[in-house]
C-alpha atoms as a PDB file:
ATOM      1  CA  MET A   1     143.170  61.116 162.082  1.00  0.00           C
ATOM      2  CA  SER A   2     139.841  59.371 161.712  1.00  0.00           C
ATOM      3  CA  ILE A   3     137.938  58.019 164.700  1.00  0.00           C
ATOM      4  CA  TRP A   4     138.737  54.485 163.583  1.00  0.00           C
ATOM      5  CA  LYS A   5     142.508  55.116 163.334  1.00  0.00           C
ATOM      6  CA  SER A   6     142.662  57.048 166.622  1.00  0.00           C
ATOM      7  CA  ILE A   7     140.837  54.339 168.571  1.00  0.00           C
ATOM      8  CA  PHE A   8     142.747  51.423 167.130  1.00  0.00           C
ATOM      9  CA  ALA A   9     146.181  53.028 166.904  1.00  0.00           C
ATOM     10  CA  GLY A  10     148.611  51.173 169.133  1.00  0.00           C
ATOM     11  CA  THR A  11     146.005  48.672 170.282  1.00  0.00           C
ATOM     12  CA  PRO A  12     145.599  46.275 167.404  1.00  0.00           C
ATOM     13  CA  ARG A  13     142.837  43.715 167.783  1.00  0.00           C
ATOM     14  CA  PRO A  14     142.578  40.384 166.024  1.00  0.00           C
ATOM     15  CA  GLN A  15     140.304  40.570 162.964  1.00  0.00           C
ATOM     16  CA  ARG A  16     137.050  38.771 163.661  1.00  0.00           C
ATOM     17  CA  HIS A  17     135.900  36.567 160.789  1.00  0.00           C
ATOM     18  CA  TYR A  18     132.172  36.609 160.152  1.00  0.00           C
ATOM     19  CA  ARG A  19     130.381  34.044 158.064  1.00  0.00           C
ATOM     20  CA  VAL A  20     126.876  33.084 157.106  1.00  0.00           C
ATOM     21  CA  PRO A  21     125.461  29.662 157.861  1.00  0.00           C
ATOM     22  CA  GLU A  22     126.942  26.921 155.738  1.00  0.00           C
ATOM     23  CA  GLY A  23     125.295  26.639 152.371  1.00  0.00           C
ATOM     24  CA  SER A  24     123.456  29.955 152.760  1.00  0.00           C
ATOM     25  CA  LEU A  25     123.667  32.835 150.301  1.00  0.00           C
ATOM     26  CA  ILE A  26     122.324  36.173 151.625  1.00  0.00           C
ATOM     27  CA  TYR A  27     121.571  39.367 149.739  1.00  0.00           C
ATOM     28  CA  ALA A  28     120.735  42.481 151.779  1.00  0.00           C
ATOM     29  CA  ILE A  29     119.094  45.343 149.914  1.00  0.00           C
ATOM     30  CA  GLY A  30     119.272  48.995 151.099  1.00  0.00           C
ATOM     31  CA  ASP A  31     116.566  51.640 151.382  1.00  0.00           C
ATOM     32  CA  ILE A  32     114.264  51.529 148.341  1.00  0.00           C
ATOM     33  CA  HIS A  33     112.184  54.701 149.088  1.00  0.00           C
ATOM     34  CA  GLY A  34     109.562  54.361 146.408  1.00  0.00           C
ATOM     35  CA  ARG A  35     111.848  53.442 143.536  1.00  0.00           C
ATOM     36  CA  LEU A  36     110.326  50.325 141.982  1.00  0.00           C
ATOM     37  CA  ASP A  37     112.356  50.874 138.819  1.00  0.00           C
ATOM     38  CA  LEU A  38     115.638  50.485 140.658  1.00  0.00           C
ATOM     39  CA  LEU A  39     114.347  47.566 142.727  1.00  0.00           C
ATOM     40  CA  GLU A  40     113.369  45.592 139.671  1.00  0.00           C
ATOM     41  CA  SER A  41     116.755  46.286 138.061  1.00  0.00           C
ATOM     42  CA  LEU A  42     118.649  45.226 141.181  1.00  0.00           C
ATOM     43  CA  LEU A  43     116.631  42.054 141.651  1.00  0.00           C
ATOM     44  CA  GLU A  44     117.440  41.062 138.046  1.00  0.00           C
ATOM     45  CA  LYS A  45     121.129  41.390 138.851  1.00  0.00           C
ATOM     46  CA  ILE A  46     120.701  39.444 142.074  1.00  0.00           C
ATOM     47  CA  GLU A  47     119.021  36.643 140.125  1.00  0.00           C
ATOM     48  CA  ALA A  48     121.889  36.648 137.580  1.00  0.00           C
ATOM     49  CA  ASP A  49     124.439  36.521 140.407  1.00  0.00           C
ATOM     50  CA  ARG A  50     122.550  33.783 142.196  1.00  0.00           C
ATOM     51  CA  SER A  51     122.319  31.635 139.011  1.00  0.00           C
ATOM     52  CA  TRP A  52     125.990  30.797 138.972  1.00  0.00           C
ATOM     53  CA  ARG A  53     126.330  30.171 142.690  1.00  0.00           C
ATOM     54  CA  THR A  54     125.250  26.576 142.327  1.00  0.00           C
ATOM     55  CA  GLU A  55     126.822  25.540 145.615  1.00  0.00           C
ATOM     56  CA  ALA A  56     124.248  27.581 147.534  1.00  0.00           C
ATOM     57  CA  LYS A  57     121.582  25.398 149.117  1.00  0.00           C
ATOM     58  CA  LYS A  58     119.380  28.258 150.382  1.00  0.00           C
ATOM     59  CA  THR A  59     119.179  31.902 149.332  1.00  0.00           C
ATOM     60  CA  TYR A  60     117.844  34.684 151.473  1.00  0.00           C
ATOM     61  CA  ILE A  61     116.965  38.171 150.175  1.00  0.00           C
ATOM     62  CA  VAL A  62     116.784  40.597 153.058  1.00  0.00           C
ATOM     63  CA  PHE A  63     115.118  43.967 152.577  1.00  0.00           C
ATOM     64  CA  LEU A  64     116.435  46.470 155.157  1.00  0.00           C
ATOM     65  CA  GLY A  65     113.336  48.692 155.335  1.00  0.00           C
ATOM     66  CA  ASP A  66     112.212  52.119 154.110  1.00  0.00           C
ATOM     67  CA  TYR A  67     110.154  50.914 151.180  1.00  0.00           C
ATOM     68  CA  VAL A  68     107.978  54.063 151.141  1.00  0.00           C
ATOM     69  CA  ASP A  69     108.332  57.820 150.945  1.00  0.00           C
ATOM     70  CA  ARG A  70     110.473  60.257 148.880  1.00  0.00           C
ATOM     71  CA  GLY A  71     110.173  58.380 145.617  1.00  0.00           C
ATOM     72  CA  PHE A  72     106.826  58.340 143.836  1.00  0.00           C
ATOM     73  CA  GLN A  73     106.294  54.562 143.610  1.00  0.00           C
ATOM     74  CA  SER A  74     105.630  53.578 147.195  1.00  0.00           C
ATOM     75  CA  ARG A  75     102.331  51.858 146.475  1.00  0.00           C
ATOM     76  CA  GLU A  76     103.942  49.980 143.540  1.00  0.00           C
ATOM     77  CA  VAL A  77     106.906  48.913 145.664  1.00  0.00           C
ATOM     78  CA  ILE A  78     104.659  47.386 148.301  1.00  0.00           C
ATOM     79  CA  ASP A  79     102.515  45.724 145.662  1.00  0.00           C
ATOM     80  CA  TYR A  80     105.655  44.192 144.175  1.00  0.00           C
ATOM     81  CA  LEU A  81     107.121  43.029 147.453  1.00  0.00           C
ATOM     82  CA  ASN A  82     103.771  41.589 148.519  1.00  0.00           C
ATOM     83  CA  GLY A  83     103.789  39.505 145.367  1.00  0.00           C
ATOM     84  CA  LEU A  84     107.183  37.880 145.962  1.00  0.00           C
ATOM     85  CA  GLU A  85     106.826  34.152 146.729  1.00  0.00           C
ATOM     86  CA  ASP A  86     109.090  31.997 148.811  1.00  0.00           C
ATOM     87  CA  THR A  87     110.308  28.559 147.585  1.00  0.00           C
ATOM     88  CA  PRO A  88     112.269  25.832 149.323  1.00  0.00           C
ATOM     89  CA  GLU A  89     115.404  27.392 147.836  1.00  0.00           C
ATOM     90  CA  LEU A  90     114.574  31.094 148.307  1.00  0.00           C
ATOM     91  CA  SER A  91     113.194  33.114 151.193  1.00  0.00           C
ATOM     92  CA  HIS A  92     112.435  36.823 151.404  1.00  0.00           C
ATOM     93  CA  ILE A  93     112.958  38.646 154.739  1.00  0.00           C
ATOM     94  CA  PHE A  94     111.250  42.024 155.198  1.00  0.00           C
ATOM     95  CA  LEU A  95     112.488  44.344 157.925  1.00  0.00           C
ATOM     96  CA  ALA A  96     110.816  47.507 159.185  1.00  0.00           C
ATOM     97  CA  GLY A  97     112.257  50.961 158.546  1.00  0.00           C
ATOM     98  CA  ASN A  98     111.531  54.161 160.345  1.00  0.00           C
ATOM     99  CA  HIS A  99     109.519  55.449 157.375  1.00  0.00           C
ATOM    100  CA  GLU A 100     107.075  52.539 157.629  1.00  0.00           C
ATOM    101  CA  ASP A 101     106.576  53.358 161.304  1.00  0.00           C
ATOM    102  CA  LEU A 102     106.029  57.048 160.430  1.00  0.00           C
ATOM    103  CA  MET A 103     103.440  56.119 157.855  1.00  0.00           C
ATOM    104  CA  LEU A 104     101.568  53.840 160.250  1.00  0.00           C
ATOM    105  CA  GLY A 105     101.784  56.542 162.877  1.00  0.00           C
ATOM    106  CA  PHE A 106     100.175  59.083 160.563  1.00  0.00           C
ATOM    107  CA  LEU A 107      97.320  56.582 159.968  1.00  0.00           C
ATOM    108  CA  ASP A 108      96.806  56.130 163.684  1.00  0.00           C
ATOM    109  CA  ASP A 109      97.347  59.748 164.855  1.00  0.00           C
ATOM    110  CA  PRO A 110      97.953  62.338 162.133  1.00  0.00           C
ATOM    111  CA  LEU A 111      98.341  65.221 164.590  1.00  0.00           C
ATOM    112  CA  GLU A 112     101.158  63.549 166.520  1.00  0.00           C
ATOM    113  CA  ASN A 113     102.781  62.143 163.385  1.00  0.00           C
ATOM    114  CA  GLN A 114     102.496  64.948 160.831  1.00  0.00           C
ATOM    115  CA  LEU A 115     106.295  64.968 160.563  1.00  0.00           C
ATOM    116  CA  TRP A 116     105.771  62.108 158.062  1.00  0.00           C
ATOM    117  CA  LEU A 117     104.456  64.623 155.532  1.00  0.00           C
ATOM    118  CA  ARG A 118     107.713  66.579 155.635  1.00  0.00           C
ATOM    119  CA  VAL A 119     110.055  63.561 155.199  1.00  0.00           C
ATOM    120  CA  GLY A 120     108.609  61.970 152.127  1.00  0.00           C
ATOM    121  CA  GLY A 121     105.009  61.194 153.032  1.00  0.00           C
ATOM    122  CA  LEU A 122     103.627  63.605 150.460  1.00  0.00           C
ATOM    123  CA  GLN A 123     105.085  61.446 147.619  1.00  0.00           C
ATOM    124  CA  THR A 124     103.532  58.372 149.244  1.00  0.00           C
ATOM    125  CA  LEU A 125     100.136  60.042 149.315  1.00  0.00           C
ATOM    126  CA  VAL A 126     100.388  60.764 145.620  1.00  0.00           C
ATOM    127  CA  SER A 127     101.251  57.158 144.888  1.00  0.00           C
ATOM    128  CA  TYR A 128      97.959  56.132 146.538  1.00  0.00           C
ATOM    129  CA  GLY A 129      96.022  58.722 144.510  1.00  0.00           C
ATOM    130  CA  ILE A 130      95.518  61.136 147.433  1.00  0.00           C
ATOM    131  CA  GLN A 131      95.847  64.906 147.066  1.00  0.00           C
ATOM    132  CA  PRO A 132      98.530  66.212 149.498  1.00  0.00           C
ATOM    133  CA  PRO A 133      97.013  68.488 152.176  1.00  0.00           C
ATOM    134  CA  ALA A 134      97.021  72.168 151.486  1.00  0.00           C
ATOM    135  CA  ASN A 135      97.673  73.008 155.168  1.00  0.00           C
ATOM    136  CA  THR A 136      98.262  71.345 158.529  1.00  0.00           C
ATOM    137  CA  LEU A 137      94.985  72.331 160.184  1.00  0.00           C
ATOM    138  CA  VAL A 138      93.529  69.602 162.363  1.00  0.00           C
ATOM    139  CA  ASP A 139      90.582  68.837 160.094  1.00  0.00           C
ATOM    140  CA  THR A 140      92.812  68.694 157.006  1.00  0.00           C
ATOM    141  CA  LEU A 141      95.257  66.267 158.640  1.00  0.00           C
ATOM    142  CA  VAL A 142      92.466  63.986 159.842  1.00  0.00           C
ATOM    143  CA  GLU A 143      90.824  64.017 156.452  1.00  0.00           C
ATOM    144  CA  THR A 144      94.087  63.154 154.770  1.00  0.00           C
ATOM    145  CA  SER A 145      94.806  60.332 157.211  1.00  0.00           C
ATOM    146  CA  ASN A 146      91.266  58.918 156.685  1.00  0.00           C
ATOM    147  CA  ALA A 147      91.728  59.088 152.927  1.00  0.00           C
ATOM    148  CA  LEU A 148      94.971  57.183 153.126  1.00  0.00           C
ATOM    149  CA  GLY A 149      93.383  54.554 155.381  1.00  0.00           C
ATOM    150  CA  ALA A 150      90.571  54.104 152.895  1.00  0.00           C
ATOM    151  CA  ALA A 151      92.963  53.874 149.928  1.00  0.00           C
ATOM    152  CA  LEU A 152      95.387  51.451 151.606  1.00  0.00           C
ATOM    153  CA  PRO A 153      94.680  47.889 150.503  1.00  0.00           C
ATOM    154  CA  GLU A 154      94.338  45.480 153.425  1.00  0.00           C
ATOM    155  CA  GLY A 155      97.268  43.525 152.112  1.00  0.00           C
ATOM    156  CA  HIS A 156      99.451  46.604 152.302  1.00  0.00           C
ATOM    157  CA  ARG A 157      98.461  47.292 155.920  1.00  0.00           C
ATOM    158  CA  THR A 158      99.170  43.682 156.786  1.00  0.00           C
ATOM    159  CA  PHE A 159     102.578  43.912 155.102  1.00  0.00           C
ATOM    160  CA  LEU A 160     103.460  47.117 156.973  1.00  0.00           C
ATOM    161  CA  THR A 161     102.403  45.831 160.369  1.00  0.00           C
ATOM    162  CA  SER A 162     104.059  42.417 160.063  1.00  0.00           C
ATOM    163  CA  LEU A 163     107.640  43.607 159.342  1.00  0.00           C
ATOM    164  CA  LYS A 164     110.424  42.220 161.509  1.00  0.00           C
ATOM    165  CA  THR A 165     112.658  44.565 163.440  1.00  0.00           C
ATOM    166  CA  TRP A 166     115.776  42.446 162.928  1.00  0.00           C
ATOM    167  CA  TRP A 167     116.960  39.157 161.522  1.00  0.00           C
ATOM    168  CA  ARG A 168     120.122  37.257 162.386  1.00  0.00           C
ATOM    169  CA  ALA A 169     121.979  34.648 160.387  1.00  0.00           C
ATOM    170  CA  GLY A 170     125.373  33.236 161.368  1.00  0.00           C
ATOM    171  CA  GLY A 171     127.698  36.072 162.328  1.00  0.00           C
ATOM    172  CA  TYR A 172     125.522  38.813 160.827  1.00  0.00           C
ATOM    173  CA  LEU A 173     122.640  40.846 162.209  1.00  0.00           C
ATOM    174  CA  PHE A 174     120.384  42.585 159.686  1.00  0.00           C
ATOM    175  CA  VAL A 175     118.538  45.700 160.879  1.00  0.00           C
ATOM    176  CA  HIS A 176     117.326  48.987 159.406  1.00  0.00           C
ATOM    177  CA  ALA A 177     119.400  51.557 161.354  1.00  0.00           C
ATOM    178  CA  GLY A 178     121.706  49.763 163.789  1.00  0.00           C
ATOM    179  CA  VAL A 179     122.003  48.914 167.468  1.00  0.00           C
ATOM    180  CA  ARG A 180     122.828  50.874 170.620  1.00  0.00           C
ATOM    181  CA  PRO A 181     126.289  49.862 171.826  1.00  0.00           C
ATOM    182  CA  GLY A 182     126.367  48.054 175.169  1.00  0.00           C
ATOM    183  CA  ILE A 183     122.763  46.949 175.079  1.00  0.00           C
ATOM    184  CA  PRO A 184     121.902  43.212 174.554  1.00  0.00           C
ATOM    185  CA  LEU A 185     120.040  42.584 171.373  1.00  0.00           C
ATOM    186  CA  GLU A 186     116.893  41.397 173.124  1.00  0.00           C
ATOM    187  CA  GLN A 187     116.799  44.712 175.108  1.00  0.00           C
ATOM    188  CA  GLN A 188     117.270  47.051 172.149  1.00  0.00           C
ATOM    189  CA  ARG A 189     114.545  49.679 171.714  1.00  0.00           C
ATOM    190  CA  ARG A 190     112.594  49.727 168.475  1.00  0.00           C
ATOM    191  CA  THR A 191     113.293  53.425 168.115  1.00  0.00           C
ATOM    192  CA  ASP A 192     117.033  52.652 168.079  1.00  0.00           C
ATOM    193  CA  LEU A 193     116.793  49.602 165.771  1.00  0.00           C
ATOM    194  CA  LEU A 194     114.915  51.763 163.267  1.00  0.00           C
ATOM    195  CA  GLY A 195     116.365  55.194 163.840  1.00  0.00           C
ATOM    196  CA  ILE A 196     119.811  55.276 165.530  1.00  0.00           C
ATOM    197  CA  ARG A 197     122.550  57.158 163.772  1.00  0.00           C
ATOM    198  CA  GLN A 198     125.839  58.495 165.215  1.00  0.00           C
ATOM    199  CA  ALA A 199     125.788  56.556 168.489  1.00  0.00           C
ATOM    200  CA  PHE A 200     125.937  53.471 166.302  1.00  0.00           C
ATOM    201  CA  THR A 201     127.801  54.579 163.195  1.00  0.00           C
ATOM    202  CA  GLU A 202     130.586  56.231 165.129  1.00  0.00           C
ATOM    203  CA  SER A 203     131.056  53.339 167.564  1.00  0.00           C
ATOM    204  CA  PRO A 204     134.062  50.973 167.223  1.00  0.00           C
ATOM    205  CA  ALA A 205     132.388  48.472 169.487  1.00  0.00           C
ATOM    206  CA  ASP A 206     132.524  44.756 168.775  1.00  0.00           C
ATOM    207  CA  PHE A 207     128.848  43.809 168.872  1.00  0.00           C
ATOM    208  CA  GLY A 208     129.549  40.078 168.696  1.00  0.00           C
ATOM    209  CA  PHE A 209     128.117  40.065 165.161  1.00  0.00           C
ATOM    210  CA  LYS A 210     128.575  42.276 162.079  1.00  0.00           C
ATOM    211  CA  VAL A 211     125.608  44.562 161.569  1.00  0.00           C
ATOM    212  CA  VAL A 212     124.261  45.013 158.048  1.00  0.00           C
ATOM    213  CA  HIS A 213     122.106  48.107 157.876  1.00  0.00           C
ATOM    214  CA  GLY A 214     120.604  50.937 155.862  1.00  0.00           C
ATOM    215  CA  HIS A 215     119.191  54.306 157.144  1.00  0.00           C
ATOM    216  CA  THR A 216     122.430  56.282 157.215  1.00  0.00           C
ATOM    217  CA  GLY A 217     123.349  57.084 153.637  1.00  0.00           C
ATOM    218  CA  VAL A 218     126.752  56.319 152.131  1.00  0.00           C
ATOM    219  CA  ALA A 219     128.238  57.039 148.708  1.00  0.00           C
ATOM    220  CA  GLU A 220     128.786  53.315 148.189  1.00  0.00           C
ATOM    221  CA  VAL A 221     128.351  50.100 150.138  1.00  0.00           C
ATOM    222  CA  THR A 222     130.837  50.552 153.001  1.00  0.00           C
ATOM    223  CA  HIS A 223     132.529  47.722 154.933  1.00  0.00           C
ATOM    224  CA  LEU A 224     133.870  48.526 158.424  1.00  0.00           C
ATOM    225  CA  PRO A 225     135.141  46.144 161.071  1.00  0.00           C
ATOM    226  CA  ASN A 226     131.765  45.909 162.886  1.00  0.00           C
ATOM    227  CA  ARG A 227     129.165  46.852 160.211  1.00  0.00           C
ATOM    228  CA  ILE A 228     128.223  47.081 156.524  1.00  0.00           C
ATOM    229  CA  ALA A 229     126.308  50.169 155.407  1.00  0.00           C
ATOM    230  CA  VAL A 230     124.102  49.554 152.335  1.00  0.00           C
ATOM    231  CA  ASP A 231     121.910  52.655 151.920  1.00  0.00           C
ATOM    232  CA  THR A 232     123.223  54.523 148.859  1.00  0.00           C
ATOM    233  CA  GLY A 233     120.305  57.035 148.716  1.00  0.00           C
ATOM    234  CA  ALA A 234     118.424  55.401 145.869  1.00  0.00           C
ATOM    235  CA  PHE A 235     115.619  57.984 145.642  1.00  0.00           C
ATOM    236  CA  ALA A 236     118.145  60.788 145.027  1.00  0.00           C
ATOM    237  CA  THR A 237     121.154  59.064 143.485  1.00  0.00           C
ATOM    238  CA  GLY A 238     119.446  56.531 141.253  1.00  0.00           C
ATOM    239  CA  THR A 239     121.621  53.828 142.811  1.00  0.00           C
ATOM    240  CA  LEU A 240     120.036  51.040 144.864  1.00  0.00           C
ATOM    241  CA  SER A 241     122.587  48.750 146.350  1.00  0.00           C
ATOM    242  CA  ALA A 242     122.846  45.239 147.874  1.00  0.00           C
ATOM    243  CA  VAL A 243     125.586  43.253 149.543  1.00  0.00           C
ATOM    244  CA  ALA A 244     125.923  39.548 148.806  1.00  0.00           C
ATOM    245  CA  LEU A 245     127.274  37.364 151.649  1.00  0.00           C
ATOM    246  CA  TRP A 246     128.652  33.888 151.123  1.00  0.00           C
ATOM    247  CA  ASP A 247     130.764  31.972 153.658  1.00  0.00           C
ATOM    248  CA  GLU A 248     133.245  34.647 154.824  1.00  0.00           C
ATOM    249  CA  SER A 249     133.136  36.732 151.575  1.00  0.00           C
ATOM    250  CA  HIS A 250     131.058  39.646 150.427  1.00  0.00           C
ATOM    251  CA  THR A 251     130.464  41.385 147.119  1.00  0.00           C
ATOM    252  CA  THR A 252     128.392  44.446 146.068  1.00  0.00           C
ATOM    253  CA  LEU A 253     125.643  44.703 143.534  1.00  0.00           C
ATOM    254  CA  THR A 254     123.956  47.957 142.314  1.00  0.00           C
ATOM    255  CA  SER A 255     120.924  48.778 140.184  1.00  0.00           C
END
């Protein structure tokens, strides 16, 4: 019996109905990980979907973080996202992922944050025209970090350092990884918001809102009573996914 069935068996709870603010249409996009090709394809489908939803007064496109690493188009992804413009009818919300924090950490202290190189940072270096380090000696790591800092456009650094940790709209909370059960939202730690896994994904807790998140990969967009998982492993599977939220309904779009 699954954890969900065992916990809820014999103790049925009323189904909570979550909705977005009236007149709002929200798209939440999962982890991009350096795949500009998939991002462009998905945004075209979002625009086509949006075009027939004439009753929507305001559209929000929420990016759930992890724009860099693993794929080989990290620089191009940030360039593209930086060029998106808001209008009175459309706003873009950019959230931080743990990989953005890892990248910034490597820039600040490459010795303490050399893990970044082993979880996709090498591909990001290539996208910025930097030769991956041949070893992890202190001088090599510092040289690589300095080279990345010199190659990083100021607009990219500003983008990376200005990302929100979460965004809430109506009955939904949008965040990269999730929340720690039992902790008020305002007291959540950044490391949990950007990196939590089983303590969140295996929890049946009613958070008071439905969490829309990436970070923990799923084969397809997955809807559970307290959360929606949107990370379909784009860099490896070739499928970048989004969930569209309108009123109390939700649909899935893929690249």
